Amino acid sequence: MTTIRSISNPSYDVLIIGSGAAGLALALNLPSSLRIAVLSKSKLNEGSTWYAQGGIAAVLDDSDSIESHVNDTLNAGAGLCHKDAVEFTISHSKSAIQWLIDLGVNFTRQAQSGDFHLTREGGHSQRRIIHSADATGKALHTTLLEKVHKADNIALHEHYVALDLVKQVDPNSKKLRCAGAYVYNRSTESVEAFTAKTVVLATGGASKVYLYSSNPDGASGDGIAMAWRAGCRVANMEFNQFHPTCLYHPKAKSFLITEAVRGEGGKLLLPNGERFMDSFHELGELAPRDVVARAIDHEMKRLGSDCVYLDISHKSEIFIESHFPNVRQQCLEYGIDITKEPIPVVPAAHYTCGGVMVNEHGQTDLHNLYAIGETSFTGLHGANRMASNSLLECIVFAQSAAKAIKASLHEISPLRDIPPWDASRVTNSDEDVVISHNWDELRRFMWDYVGIVRTQKRLERANHRIKLLQKEINDYYSNYKVGNDLIELRNLAVVAELIIGSAMQRKESRGLHYSLDYPDLAEFAQDSILVPMNFAAQNIIVHHEHKT
């Protein structure tokens, strides 16, 4: 693998911050005549895409329909999905999958017919999840990386962490526009300025704001925080999806047990072996994720249990090995044979349903700045993302953004040089313990106070703590040289404040936001839209209403 290293103040047509499915798909859909840079904060194959197991939801079978997939998504979203965004995404699902097939993604086929095997997951009324065994993300990411490596016009920068976006006034329109970004080079421990006609945030979600997460360490909400600081609106940040089934083991850091295990007949059990999901939802184990996560959380707290169990051992060993080879192998490494015994599982923060507000092309409030993938808020997921719609969103909006960027580049007037990063008034820190302590404290109080079940008192405690932490972090950031941990902590603190602010103003329980103080559903479903210029004063929410 050849990684193209940065030169002094490099200039590109398109700067893509993030190397997951959304970022790489965008790069491959842009014209080969453009000079493109892709930044990865770690190795190129790190990130949530690589670890995604289940698959991609799409209408691929004659027995299925776009209308059915749309309705399932709207139902899972608890009244907050934007129907136009749902229809736009799902109507492009078949062509998005065909593009991946043409690239060479190795999706699983049925042994006898040779047709693609489609599985079913929670919230779906049909089998419509195309997958590559139980490691779909890895198969997808590997193929995208192979194609990107062969593209001469795409520069790949590993271990580059975006710090902040750069704005300039367009000399023609007199409006603010994004003109690049300051980026921390982890190899040289220095900050570089990247100039670009168009910048795309594809940095993933913010689940690392919680103590327990299924996401890799890099999911620190960088794109959301940078866009917020640059003046972009964000929406629905209170809707954090907790995956119901993460492996519970002292040595397992964040291994997800794919929802497809339940889709193929896996049963959730109490420590005494009893099933319990039928008491919470008519679909039992196939209920939407928010219902399953709350049910598990309820039973664990009721019983004082550390975990519950997911059992697929009633299926044959051949079936389990063919459908879930990755899950079986990972569990075996921890001494758990899923063909013979149930899997201990707990809920964990998994997906950020809110994000930077964009239109159907991924365009944000700031000219020449786009956001795609989990970083963005498209209106697709509503109050609860339906399983396997996320990778679909990545591909569909990457292709849509590519068309918009291609059409607009010729209209962009020349950019001015970005001033060098000024580190003249900062020193090396001898108190990095402040970073590690604040990192741990933030994630713990977010888990305890802003988790699966919330109360106003818990949210007020969290709000008090985040304001104190913000002051400490900003003071530290102003006086010491930046590093990866400080950059991520600063971003996580911003994201935490946005989540808390959104949650405090939602006086109902809907989807992934469940409040003991407000257990009922409001008559109208309203998006929580936070506006940067007003947020510091009063956390203003602009309502986008849907009749419940």
Protein backbone atom coordinates (compact mmCIF):
# COMPACT_ATOMS: atom_id res chain seq x y z
CA MET A 1 0.00 0.00 0.00
CA THR A 2 1.27 3.44 -0.93
CA THR A 3 0.13 6.39 1.11
CA ILE A 4 0.66 9.79 -0.47
CA ARG A 5 2.12 12.11 2.14
CA SER A 6 1.08 15.71 2.55
CA ILE A 7 3.09 18.57 1.10
CA SER A 8 3.18 22.09 2.52
CA ASN A 9 -0.29 23.66 2.23
CA PRO A 10 -1.57 21.23 -0.44
CA SER A 11 -4.51 22.28 -2.61
CA TYR A 12 -7.23 19.99 -3.93
CA ASP A 13 -10.50 20.14 -5.81
CA VAL A 14 -12.16 17.98 -3.15
CA LEU A 15 -11.01 17.24 0.39
CA ILE A 16 -12.81 14.24 1.92
CA ILE A 17 -12.41 13.93 5.68
CA GLY A 18 -13.05 10.28 6.49
CA SER A 19 -12.16 6.98 4.81
CA GLY A 20 -15.25 4.84 5.46
CA ALA A 21 -17.95 3.74 3.03
CA ALA A 22 -19.34 7.25 2.49
CA GLY A 23 -16.00 8.96 1.90
CA LEU A 24 -14.55 6.30 -0.39
CA ALA A 25 -17.78 5.89 -2.37
CA LEU A 26 -17.82 9.65 -2.95
CA ALA A 27 -14.21 9.64 -4.14
CA LEU A 28 -14.95 6.86 -6.63
CA ASN A 29 -18.05 8.61 -7.97
CA LEU A 30 -16.25 11.88 -8.67
CA PRO A 31 -14.66 12.53 -12.10
CA SER A 32 -11.12 11.16 -12.46
CA SER A 33 -10.01 14.59 -13.67
CA LEU A 34 -10.39 16.04 -10.17
CA ARG A 35 -7.61 16.17 -7.61
CA ILE A 36 -9.00 14.49 -4.51
CA ALA A 37 -7.61 13.95 -1.01
CA VAL A 38 -8.99 11.43 1.48
CA LEU A 39 -7.97 11.85 5.13
CA SER A 40 -8.01 8.94 7.58
CA LYS A 41 -7.42 9.69 11.26
CA SER A 42 -5.95 6.22 11.74
CA LYS A 43 -5.34 3.39 9.30
CA LEU A 44 -7.49 3.43 6.18
CA ASN A 45 -9.30 0.26 7.19
CA GLU A 46 -10.27 1.52 10.63
CA GLY A 47 -13.73 2.91 11.28
CA SER A 48 -17.29 1.71 11.65
CA THR A 49 -17.66 0.50 8.05
CA TRP A 50 -14.94 -2.12 8.50
CA TYR A 51 -16.72 -3.58 11.54
CA ALA A 52 -20.28 -3.52 10.16
CA GLN A 53 -21.61 -7.06 10.15
CA GLY A 54 -25.26 -7.37 9.13
CA GLY A 55 -25.60 -6.00 5.61
CA ILE A 56 -27.31 -3.41 3.42
CA ALA A 57 -31.08 -2.99 3.17
CA ALA A 58 -32.39 -2.69 -0.38
CA VAL A 59 -35.37 -3.67 -2.52
CA LEU A 60 -33.91 -6.50 -4.60
CA ASP A 61 -36.57 -9.22 -4.64
CA ASP A 62 -39.76 -9.31 -6.71
CA SER A 63 -41.77 -10.12 -3.59
CA ASP A 64 -40.56 -6.87 -1.98
CA SER A 65 -41.39 -3.28 -2.91
CA ILE A 66 -40.12 0.24 -2.42
CA GLU A 67 -43.41 1.07 -0.69
CA SER A 68 -42.91 -1.76 1.83
CA HIS A 69 -39.34 -0.71 2.62
CA VAL A 70 -40.45 2.91 2.96
CA ASN A 71 -43.27 1.98 5.32
CA ASP A 72 -41.00 -0.18 7.48
CA THR A 73 -38.51 2.68 7.74
CA LEU A 74 -41.21 5.20 8.62
CA ASN A 75 -42.61 2.88 11.29
CA ALA A 76 -39.20 2.31 12.85
CA GLY A 77 -38.50 6.05 12.82
CA ALA A 78 -41.41 6.73 15.22
CA GLY A 79 -42.94 9.59 13.24
CA LEU A 80 -39.77 11.62 12.69
CA CYS A 81 -38.50 10.30 9.36
CA HIS A 82 -38.70 12.75 6.49
CA LYS A 83 -40.74 10.83 3.94
CA ASP A 84 -39.09 12.55 0.99
CA ALA A 85 -35.64 11.53 2.25
CA VAL A 86 -36.81 7.96 2.89
CA GLU A 87 -38.31 7.64 -0.59
CA PHE A 88 -35.24 9.23 -2.19
CA THR A 89 -32.87 6.82 -0.44
CA ILE A 90 -34.86 3.63 -0.98
CA SER A 91 -35.75 4.41 -4.59
CA HIS A 92 -32.00 4.51 -5.27
CA SER A 93 -31.25 1.34 -3.27
CA LYS A 94 -31.21 -1.12 -6.17
CA SER A 95 -28.89 1.01 -8.31
CA ALA A 96 -26.58 1.58 -5.32
CA ILE A 97 -26.30 -2.16 -4.73
CA GLN A 98 -25.73 -2.79 -8.43
CA TRP A 99 -22.86 -0.28 -8.35
CA LEU A 100 -21.29 -2.24 -5.49
CA ILE A 101 -21.80 -5.53 -7.31
CA ASP A 102 -20.16 -4.06 -10.41
CA LEU A 103 -17.21 -2.94 -8.26
CA GLY A 104 -16.79 -6.55 -7.15
CA VAL A 105 -18.19 -6.67 -3.60
CA ASN A 106 -18.51 -10.36 -2.75
CA PHE A 107 -22.08 -10.66 -1.50
CA THR A 108 -23.24 -14.06 -0.25
CA ARG A 109 -25.20 -16.22 -2.69
CA GLN A 110 -27.52 -19.14 -2.12
CA ALA A 111 -25.82 -22.47 -2.72
CA GLN A 112 -28.47 -24.01 -4.95
CA SER A 113 -29.87 -21.13 -7.03
CA GLY A 114 -26.85 -18.86 -7.04
CA ASP A 115 -29.11 -15.89 -6.26
CA PHE A 116 -28.03 -13.39 -3.62
CA HIS A 117 -28.99 -14.51 -0.13
CA LEU A 118 -31.23 -11.97 1.60
CA THR A 119 -31.69 -12.02 5.35
CA ARG A 120 -34.18 -10.25 7.60
CA GLU A 121 -33.50 -7.95 10.53
CA GLY A 122 -35.47 -6.10 13.19
CA GLY A 123 -38.20 -3.78 11.89
CA HIS A 124 -38.17 -5.23 8.36
CA SER A 125 -41.27 -6.98 7.06
CA GLN A 126 -39.32 -8.70 4.27
CA ARG A 127 -36.01 -10.41 3.69
CA ARG A 128 -34.14 -7.56 2.02
CA ILE A 129 -30.70 -7.45 3.66
CA ILE A 130 -27.98 -8.28 1.15
CA HIS A 131 -24.79 -9.25 2.95
CA SER A 132 -21.37 -10.86 2.77
CA ALA A 133 -21.72 -13.61 5.39
CA ASP A 134 -21.52 -11.71 8.71
CA ALA A 135 -18.73 -9.35 7.70
CA THR A 136 -20.41 -7.14 5.11
CA GLY A 137 -18.60 -3.97 6.14
CA LYS A 138 -15.19 -5.58 5.73
CA ALA A 139 -16.08 -6.92 2.27
CA LEU A 140 -17.45 -3.55 1.20
CA HIS A 141 -14.57 -1.54 2.64
CA THR A 142 -11.93 -3.85 1.17
CA THR A 143 -13.38 -3.49 -2.33
CA LEU A 144 -13.69 0.29 -2.08
CA LEU A 145 -10.10 0.59 -0.84
CA GLU A 146 -8.81 -1.58 -3.69
CA LYS A 147 -10.49 0.69 -6.25
CA VAL A 148 -9.33 3.90 -4.56
CA HIS A 149 -5.72 2.68 -4.43
CA LYS A 150 -5.81 2.26 -8.21
CA ALA A 151 -7.05 5.82 -8.82
CA ASP A 152 -4.15 8.12 -9.72
CA ASN A 153 -6.12 11.25 -8.86
CA ILE A 154 -6.88 10.28 -5.24
CA ALA A 155 -4.29 11.04 -2.54
CA LEU A 156 -4.68 8.95 0.61
CA HIS A 157 -3.42 10.42 3.89
CA GLU A 158 -3.29 8.06 6.88
CA HIS A 159 -3.00 9.29 10.48
CA TYR A 160 -4.28 12.77 9.64
CA VAL A 161 -6.83 14.21 12.08
CA ALA A 162 -8.93 17.17 10.95
CA LEU A 163 -8.84 19.94 13.55
CA ASP A 164 -11.12 22.68 12.25
CA LEU A 165 -12.65 23.93 9.04
CA VAL A 166 -11.43 27.12 7.38
CA LYS A 167 -13.92 29.72 6.14
CA GLN A 168 -13.38 32.51 3.63
CA VAL A 169 -15.62 35.14 2.08
CA ASP A 170 -16.37 34.36 -1.55
CA PRO A 171 -15.30 37.46 -3.55
CA ASN A 172 -18.23 37.06 -5.95
CA SER A 173 -21.19 36.16 -3.74
CA LYS A 174 -19.77 37.83 -0.59
CA LYS A 175 -20.99 34.79 1.36
CA LEU A 176 -18.96 32.62 3.69
CA ARG A 177 -17.68 29.42 2.16
CA CYS A 178 -15.56 26.50 3.31
CA ALA A 179 -12.06 26.70 1.85
CA GLY A 180 -10.27 23.80 3.52
CA ALA A 181 -9.21 22.58 6.93
CA TYR A 182 -6.43 22.59 9.48
CA VAL A 183 -5.25 19.02 9.92
CA TYR A 184 -3.08 17.43 12.59
CA ASN A 185 -0.42 15.10 11.17
CA ARG A 186 0.01 12.39 13.80
CA SER A 187 3.30 11.24 12.25
CA THR A 188 5.05 14.61 12.49
CA GLU A 189 2.92 15.94 15.39
CA SER A 190 2.35 19.15 13.45
CA VAL A 191 -0.66 21.00 12.04
CA GLU A 192 -0.96 21.46 8.27
CA ALA A 193 -3.37 23.54 6.20
CA PHE A 194 -5.28 21.83 3.37
CA THR A 195 -6.94 24.06 0.79
CA ALA A 196 -9.88 22.68 -1.20
CA LYS A 197 -12.65 24.03 -3.41
CA THR A 198 -15.05 21.58 -1.75
CA VAL A 199 -14.78 19.87 1.65
CA VAL A 200 -16.77 16.77 2.57
CA LEU A 201 -17.27 15.55 6.13
CA ALA A 202 -17.54 11.75 6.21
CA THR A 203 -16.18 11.21 9.71
CA GLY A 204 -18.84 8.85 11.05
CA GLY A 205 -20.78 9.14 14.28
CA ALA A 206 -20.17 10.02 17.92
CA SER A 207 -20.86 6.85 19.91
CA LYS A 208 -17.57 7.16 21.79
CA VAL A 209 -19.27 9.87 23.82
CA TYR A 210 -20.61 6.90 25.81
CA LEU A 211 -18.68 4.59 28.11
CA TYR A 212 -19.83 1.44 26.33
CA SER A 213 -19.89 1.44 22.56
CA SER A 214 -19.78 -1.00 19.67
CA ASN A 215 -17.80 1.54 17.63
CA PRO A 216 -14.04 1.77 17.11
CA ASP A 217 -12.16 4.43 19.07
CA GLY A 218 -12.30 7.01 16.29
CA ALA A 219 -16.07 7.57 16.52
CA SER A 220 -15.68 10.85 18.39
CA GLY A 221 -18.08 13.08 16.45
CA ASP A 222 -15.31 15.09 14.77
CA GLY A 223 -17.31 16.14 11.71
CA ILE A 224 -20.37 17.13 13.71
CA ALA A 225 -18.29 19.22 16.10
CA MET A 226 -16.32 20.92 13.31
CA ALA A 227 -19.47 21.74 11.35
CA TRP A 228 -21.11 23.15 14.49
CA ARG A 229 -18.11 25.38 15.21
CA ALA A 230 -18.23 26.51 11.57
CA GLY A 231 -21.85 27.65 11.95
CA CYS A 232 -23.86 24.70 10.61
CA ARG A 233 -27.11 23.54 12.15
CA VAL A 234 -27.39 20.07 13.63
CA ALA A 235 -30.56 18.08 14.27
CA ASN A 236 -31.93 15.23 16.43
CA MET A 237 -28.77 14.69 18.45
CA GLU A 238 -30.77 13.16 21.33
CA PHE A 239 -31.45 10.04 19.27
CA ASN A 240 -28.50 7.77 20.00
CA GLN A 241 -29.09 4.19 19.00
CA PHE A 242 -27.92 1.56 21.43
CA HIS A 243 -27.33 -1.77 19.74
CA PRO A 244 -29.06 -4.37 21.88
CA THR A 245 -26.44 -7.07 21.60
CA CYS A 246 -22.76 -6.38 22.21
CA LEU A 247 -20.69 -9.29 23.50
CA TYR A 248 -20.36 -9.13 27.27
CA HIS A 249 -16.89 -10.34 28.22
CA PRO A 250 -14.13 -8.67 30.27
CA LYS A 251 -11.65 -8.99 27.39
CA ALA A 252 -14.03 -8.07 24.57
CA LYS A 253 -13.68 -4.33 24.00
CA SER A 254 -16.51 -3.64 21.56
CA PHE A 255 -17.54 -6.73 19.61
CA LEU A 256 -21.00 -6.50 18.10
CA ILE A 257 -23.26 -9.52 17.72
CA THR A 258 -25.03 -8.82 14.45
CA GLU A 259 -28.78 -8.32 14.42
CA ALA A 260 -28.96 -11.02 11.76
CA VAL A 261 -28.50 -13.59 14.55
CA ARG A 262 -31.97 -12.61 15.78
CA GLY A 263 -33.18 -12.35 12.20
CA GLU A 264 -32.26 -15.99 11.68
CA GLY A 265 -34.02 -17.22 14.82
CA GLY A 266 -31.80 -16.25 17.75
CA LYS A 267 -33.67 -15.90 21.05
CA LEU A 268 -32.99 -13.49 23.90
CA LEU A 269 -32.95 -15.19 27.29
CA LEU A 270 -32.82 -14.20 30.95
CA PRO A 271 -30.09 -15.79 33.10
CA ASN A 272 -32.59 -18.52 34.04
CA GLY A 273 -33.14 -19.39 30.37
CA GLU A 274 -36.56 -17.75 29.96
CA ARG A 275 -37.48 -15.69 26.90
CA PHE A 276 -38.75 -12.18 27.64
CA MET A 277 -39.11 -10.16 24.43
CA ASP A 278 -42.71 -11.24 23.76
CA SER A 279 -43.69 -9.28 26.87
CA PHE A 280 -42.36 -6.07 25.33
CA HIS A 281 -43.34 -6.22 21.64
CA GLU A 282 -45.46 -8.31 19.31
CA LEU A 283 -42.43 -8.90 17.05
CA GLY A 284 -40.44 -10.35 19.94
CA GLU A 285 -36.72 -10.51 19.10
CA LEU A 286 -37.42 -8.79 15.76
CA ALA A 287 -38.76 -5.63 17.39
CA PRO A 288 -37.02 -2.34 16.50
CA ARG A 289 -33.66 -1.81 18.19
CA ASP A 290 -34.83 0.84 20.63
CA VAL A 291 -37.48 -1.51 22.01
CA VAL A 292 -35.05 -4.42 22.32
CA ALA A 293 -32.35 -2.28 23.96
CA ARG A 294 -34.80 -0.85 26.52
CA ALA A 295 -36.19 -4.31 27.24
CA ILE A 296 -32.71 -5.68 27.93
CA ASP A 297 -31.83 -2.64 30.04
CA HIS A 298 -35.07 -3.06 32.01
CA GLU A 299 -34.49 -6.76 32.69
CA MET A 300 -30.85 -6.24 33.68
CA LYS A 301 -31.80 -3.52 36.17
CA ARG A 302 -34.82 -5.46 37.46
CA LEU A 303 -32.74 -8.57 38.12
CA GLY A 304 -29.46 -6.88 38.97
CA SER A 305 -27.91 -8.94 36.19
CA ASP A 306 -24.72 -8.00 34.34
CA CYS A 307 -26.09 -9.25 31.02
CA VAL A 308 -28.74 -11.28 29.22
CA TYR A 309 -28.16 -14.06 26.68
CA LEU A 310 -28.65 -14.51 22.93
CA ASP A 311 -29.13 -18.13 21.89
CA ILE A 312 -28.80 -19.49 18.34
CA SER A 313 -27.56 -22.94 19.43
CA HIS A 314 -30.84 -24.60 18.44
CA LYS A 315 -29.74 -24.16 14.82
CA SER A 316 -27.39 -26.71 13.26
CA GLU A 317 -23.64 -26.21 13.38
CA ILE A 318 -23.55 -26.12 9.56
CA PHE A 319 -26.17 -23.35 9.50
CA ILE A 320 -24.35 -21.28 12.12
CA GLU A 321 -20.96 -21.69 10.45
CA SER A 322 -22.32 -20.71 7.02
CA HIS A 323 -24.27 -17.68 8.28
CA PHE A 324 -22.14 -16.41 11.15
CA PRO A 325 -18.53 -17.55 10.73
CA ASN A 326 -17.09 -14.28 12.03
CA VAL A 327 -19.31 -14.18 15.13
CA ARG A 328 -18.55 -17.83 15.88
CA GLN A 329 -14.79 -17.36 15.53
CA GLN A 330 -14.71 -14.22 17.65
CA CYS A 331 -16.77 -15.84 20.39
CA LEU A 332 -14.56 -18.94 20.33
CA GLU A 333 -11.59 -16.69 21.07
CA TYR A 334 -13.33 -15.82 24.34
CA GLY A 335 -14.23 -19.42 25.11
CA ILE A 336 -17.86 -19.25 23.94
CA ASP A 337 -19.08 -21.86 21.44
CA ILE A 338 -22.26 -20.38 20.00
CA THR A 339 -23.25 -23.74 18.45
CA LYS A 340 -23.62 -25.16 21.96
CA GLU A 341 -24.29 -22.28 24.35
CA PRO A 342 -25.91 -18.81 24.46
CA ILE A 343 -23.91 -15.60 24.04
CA PRO A 344 -23.77 -13.12 26.95
CA VAL A 345 -24.81 -9.71 25.60
CA VAL A 346 -25.44 -6.11 26.75
CA PRO A 347 -26.61 -2.96 24.93
CA ALA A 348 -23.94 -0.49 23.76
CA ALA A 349 -23.97 2.89 22.01
CA HIS A 350 -23.96 2.11 18.33
CA TYR A 351 -25.26 4.81 15.98
CA THR A 352 -25.80 8.57 15.93
CA CYS A 353 -29.16 9.19 14.24
CA GLY A 354 -28.78 12.97 14.35
CA GLY A 355 -26.04 15.02 12.76
CA VAL A 356 -25.21 17.92 10.48
CA MET A 357 -28.26 19.11 8.56
CA VAL A 358 -28.00 18.52 4.81
CA ASN A 359 -30.21 18.44 1.73
CA GLU A 360 -30.57 15.42 -0.58
CA HIS A 361 -27.16 16.22 -2.08
CA GLY A 362 -25.36 16.34 1.27
CA GLN A 363 -24.94 20.14 1.16
CA THR A 364 -24.70 21.81 4.59
CA ASP A 365 -25.51 25.38 5.61
CA LEU A 366 -21.95 26.46 4.72
CA HIS A 367 -21.20 26.87 1.02
CA ASN A 368 -18.85 24.24 -0.43
CA LEU A 369 -19.17 22.06 2.69
CA TYR A 370 -20.91 18.70 2.43
CA ALA A 371 -21.63 16.00 5.02
CA ILE A 372 -22.49 12.39 4.21
CA GLY A 373 -22.91 9.13 6.10
CA GLU A 374 -23.40 8.98 9.85
CA THR A 375 -22.06 12.53 10.25
CA SER A 376 -25.10 13.91 8.47
CA PHE A 377 -28.77 14.35 9.25
CA THR A 378 -30.71 13.54 6.09
CA GLY A 379 -34.09 12.77 7.66
CA LEU A 380 -33.84 9.08 6.76
CA HIS A 381 -33.58 7.62 10.27
CA GLY A 382 -36.05 9.68 12.29
CA ALA A 383 -36.14 8.80 15.98
CA ASN A 384 -34.72 5.32 15.42
CA ARG A 385 -32.59 3.99 12.57
CA MET A 386 -33.87 0.77 11.06
CA ALA A 387 -31.29 -1.98 10.76
CA SER A 388 -28.99 -1.91 7.70
CA ASN A 389 -30.29 1.39 6.31
CA SER A 390 -27.04 3.12 7.27
CA LEU A 391 -24.67 1.64 4.68
CA LEU A 392 -27.36 2.24 2.08
CA GLU A 393 -27.50 5.92 3.11
CA CYS A 394 -23.71 6.14 2.76
CA ILE A 395 -23.71 4.94 -0.84
CA VAL A 396 -26.84 6.77 -2.03
CA PHE A 397 -25.83 10.15 -0.61
CA ALA A 398 -22.20 9.73 -1.69
CA GLN A 399 -23.43 9.32 -5.27
CA SER A 400 -25.85 12.23 -4.95
CA ALA A 401 -23.17 14.49 -3.44
CA ALA A 402 -20.74 13.54 -6.21
CA LYS A 403 -23.22 14.74 -8.85
CA ALA A 404 -23.77 18.04 -7.03
CA ILE A 405 -20.05 18.65 -6.51
CA LYS A 406 -19.28 17.90 -10.15
CA ALA A 407 -21.95 20.37 -11.26
CA SER A 408 -20.80 23.16 -8.93
CA LEU A 409 -17.00 23.11 -9.11
CA HIS A 410 -16.81 25.32 -12.18
CA GLU A 411 -18.71 28.05 -10.32
CA ILE A 412 -16.24 28.26 -7.43
CA SER A 413 -14.03 31.33 -7.56
CA PRO A 414 -10.31 31.06 -6.71
CA LEU A 415 -9.39 30.43 -3.09
CA ARG A 416 -6.95 32.47 -1.03
CA ASP A 417 -4.07 30.75 0.72
CA ILE A 418 -4.86 29.53 4.22
CA PRO A 419 -2.63 31.12 6.89
CA PRO A 420 -0.26 28.69 8.62
CA TRP A 421 -1.38 27.26 11.96
CA ASP A 422 -0.19 29.54 14.75
CA ALA A 423 1.37 27.57 17.62
CA SER A 424 3.56 30.40 18.87
CA ARG A 425 1.66 30.91 22.13
CA VAL A 426 1.26 27.30 23.25
CA THR A 427 3.62 24.95 25.06
CA ASN A 428 4.04 21.21 25.53
CA SER A 429 1.78 19.90 28.24
CA ASP A 430 3.08 18.21 31.36
CA GLU A 431 -0.47 17.50 32.56
CA ASP A 432 -1.91 15.01 30.08
CA VAL A 433 -3.68 13.38 33.00
CA VAL A 434 -6.24 16.18 32.61
CA ILE A 435 -7.15 14.81 29.18
CA SER A 436 -7.49 11.20 30.31
CA HIS A 437 -9.47 12.17 33.42
CA ASN A 438 -11.89 14.41 31.52
CA TRP A 439 -12.28 11.82 28.75
CA ASP A 440 -13.25 9.17 31.30
CA GLU A 441 -15.55 11.47 33.29
CA LEU A 442 -17.41 12.68 30.21
CA ARG A 443 -18.12 9.19 28.90
CA ARG A 444 -19.21 7.95 32.33
CA PHE A 445 -21.73 10.70 33.07
CA MET A 446 -23.09 10.47 29.53
CA TRP A 447 -23.66 6.75 30.10
CA ASP A 448 -25.21 7.23 33.54
CA TYR A 449 -27.30 10.36 32.88
CA VAL A 450 -27.96 10.48 29.11
CA GLY A 451 -28.21 6.79 28.29
CA ILE A 452 -30.98 4.38 27.30
CA VAL A 453 -33.42 5.70 29.93
CA ARG A 454 -33.35 9.39 30.93
CA THR A 455 -34.87 11.78 33.48
CA GLN A 456 -34.81 15.57 33.66
CA LYS A 457 -32.75 15.44 36.85
CA ARG A 458 -30.15 13.22 35.21
CA LEU A 459 -30.01 15.53 32.20
CA GLU A 460 -29.60 18.59 34.43
CA ARG A 461 -26.69 16.91 36.19
CA ALA A 462 -25.10 16.09 32.86
CA ASN A 463 -25.65 19.66 31.63
CA HIS A 464 -23.95 21.07 34.72
CA ARG A 465 -20.95 18.76 34.30
CA ILE A 466 -20.51 19.37 30.58
CA LYS A 467 -20.35 23.13 31.06
CA LEU A 468 -17.59 22.76 33.65
CA LEU A 469 -15.73 20.30 31.42
CA GLN A 470 -16.06 22.58 28.41
CA LYS A 471 -14.33 25.36 30.32
CA GLU A 472 -11.50 23.08 31.45
CA ILE A 473 -11.02 21.63 27.95
CA ASN A 474 -11.08 25.02 26.22
CA ASP A 475 -8.55 26.43 28.70
CA TYR A 476 -6.32 23.44 28.10
CA TYR A 477 -6.75 23.69 24.31
CA SER A 478 -5.78 27.39 24.39
CA ASN A 479 -2.52 26.85 26.24
CA TYR A 480 -1.03 23.55 25.09
CA LYS A 481 -0.04 21.94 21.83
CA VAL A 482 -2.73 19.81 20.24
CA GLY A 483 -2.62 16.04 19.94
CA ASN A 484 -5.05 13.35 18.87
CA ASP A 485 -6.51 12.74 22.35
CA LEU A 486 -7.09 16.44 22.98
CA ILE A 487 -8.69 16.93 19.56
CA GLU A 488 -11.09 14.04 20.16
CA LEU A 489 -11.89 15.14 23.71
CA ARG A 490 -12.69 18.66 22.50
CA ASN A 491 -15.02 17.26 19.84
CA LEU A 492 -16.68 14.79 22.20
CA ALA A 493 -17.42 17.62 24.64
CA VAL A 494 -19.16 19.58 21.88
CA VAL A 495 -21.19 16.55 20.82
CA ALA A 496 -22.11 15.76 24.44
CA GLU A 497 -23.40 19.31 24.92
CA LEU A 498 -25.50 19.01 21.75
CA ILE A 499 -26.96 15.67 22.85
CA ILE A 500 -27.80 16.98 26.32
CA GLY A 501 -29.28 20.22 24.99
CA SER A 502 -31.50 18.34 22.55
CA ALA A 503 -32.60 15.78 25.14
CA MET A 504 -33.48 18.41 27.76
CA GLN A 505 -35.95 20.10 25.43
CA ARG A 506 -37.74 16.96 24.26
CA LYS A 507 -40.71 16.67 26.63
CA GLU A 508 -41.90 13.27 25.44
CA SER A 509 -40.65 9.72 24.86
CA ARG A 510 -40.12 8.89 21.22
CA GLY A 511 -37.94 6.29 19.54
CA LEU A 512 -34.47 6.26 21.04
CA HIS A 513 -35.24 9.05 23.51
CA TYR A 514 -37.04 7.57 26.52
CA SER A 515 -37.80 9.78 29.52
CA LEU A 516 -39.31 8.51 32.77
CA ASP A 517 -40.63 12.03 33.38
CA TYR A 518 -42.35 12.21 29.99
CA PRO A 519 -43.29 8.63 29.05
CA ASP A 520 -46.02 9.57 26.55
CA LEU A 521 -45.79 10.45 22.87
CA ALA A 522 -46.50 14.07 21.93
CA GLU A 523 -49.28 14.78 19.45
CA PHE A 524 -46.85 16.23 16.93
CA ALA A 525 -43.44 14.81 16.06
CA GLN A 526 -40.85 17.58 16.01
CA ASP A 527 -37.23 17.55 14.91
CA SER A 528 -34.76 19.12 17.34
CA ILE A 529 -32.82 21.61 15.23
CA LEU A 530 -30.01 23.43 17.03
CA VAL A 531 -28.76 26.71 15.59
CA PRO A 532 -25.15 27.70 16.49
CA MET A 533 -25.65 31.45 16.82
CA ASN A 534 -28.49 30.93 19.29
CA PHE A 535 -27.46 27.77 21.08
CA ALA A 536 -25.17 29.36 23.65
CA ALA A 537 -27.97 31.67 24.75
CA GLN A 538 -31.01 29.46 24.85
CA ASN A 539 -30.60 26.19 22.89
CA ILE A 540 -33.23 27.32 20.39
CA ILE A 541 -35.07 24.48 18.66
CA VAL A 542 -36.69 25.02 15.29
CA HIS A 543 -39.55 22.57 14.90
CA HIS A 544 -40.17 20.41 11.87
CA GLU A 545 -43.57 18.91 12.68
CA HIS A 546 -45.21 15.63 11.70
CA LYS A 547 -48.62 14.53 12.95
CA THR A 548 -48.18 11.44 15.11
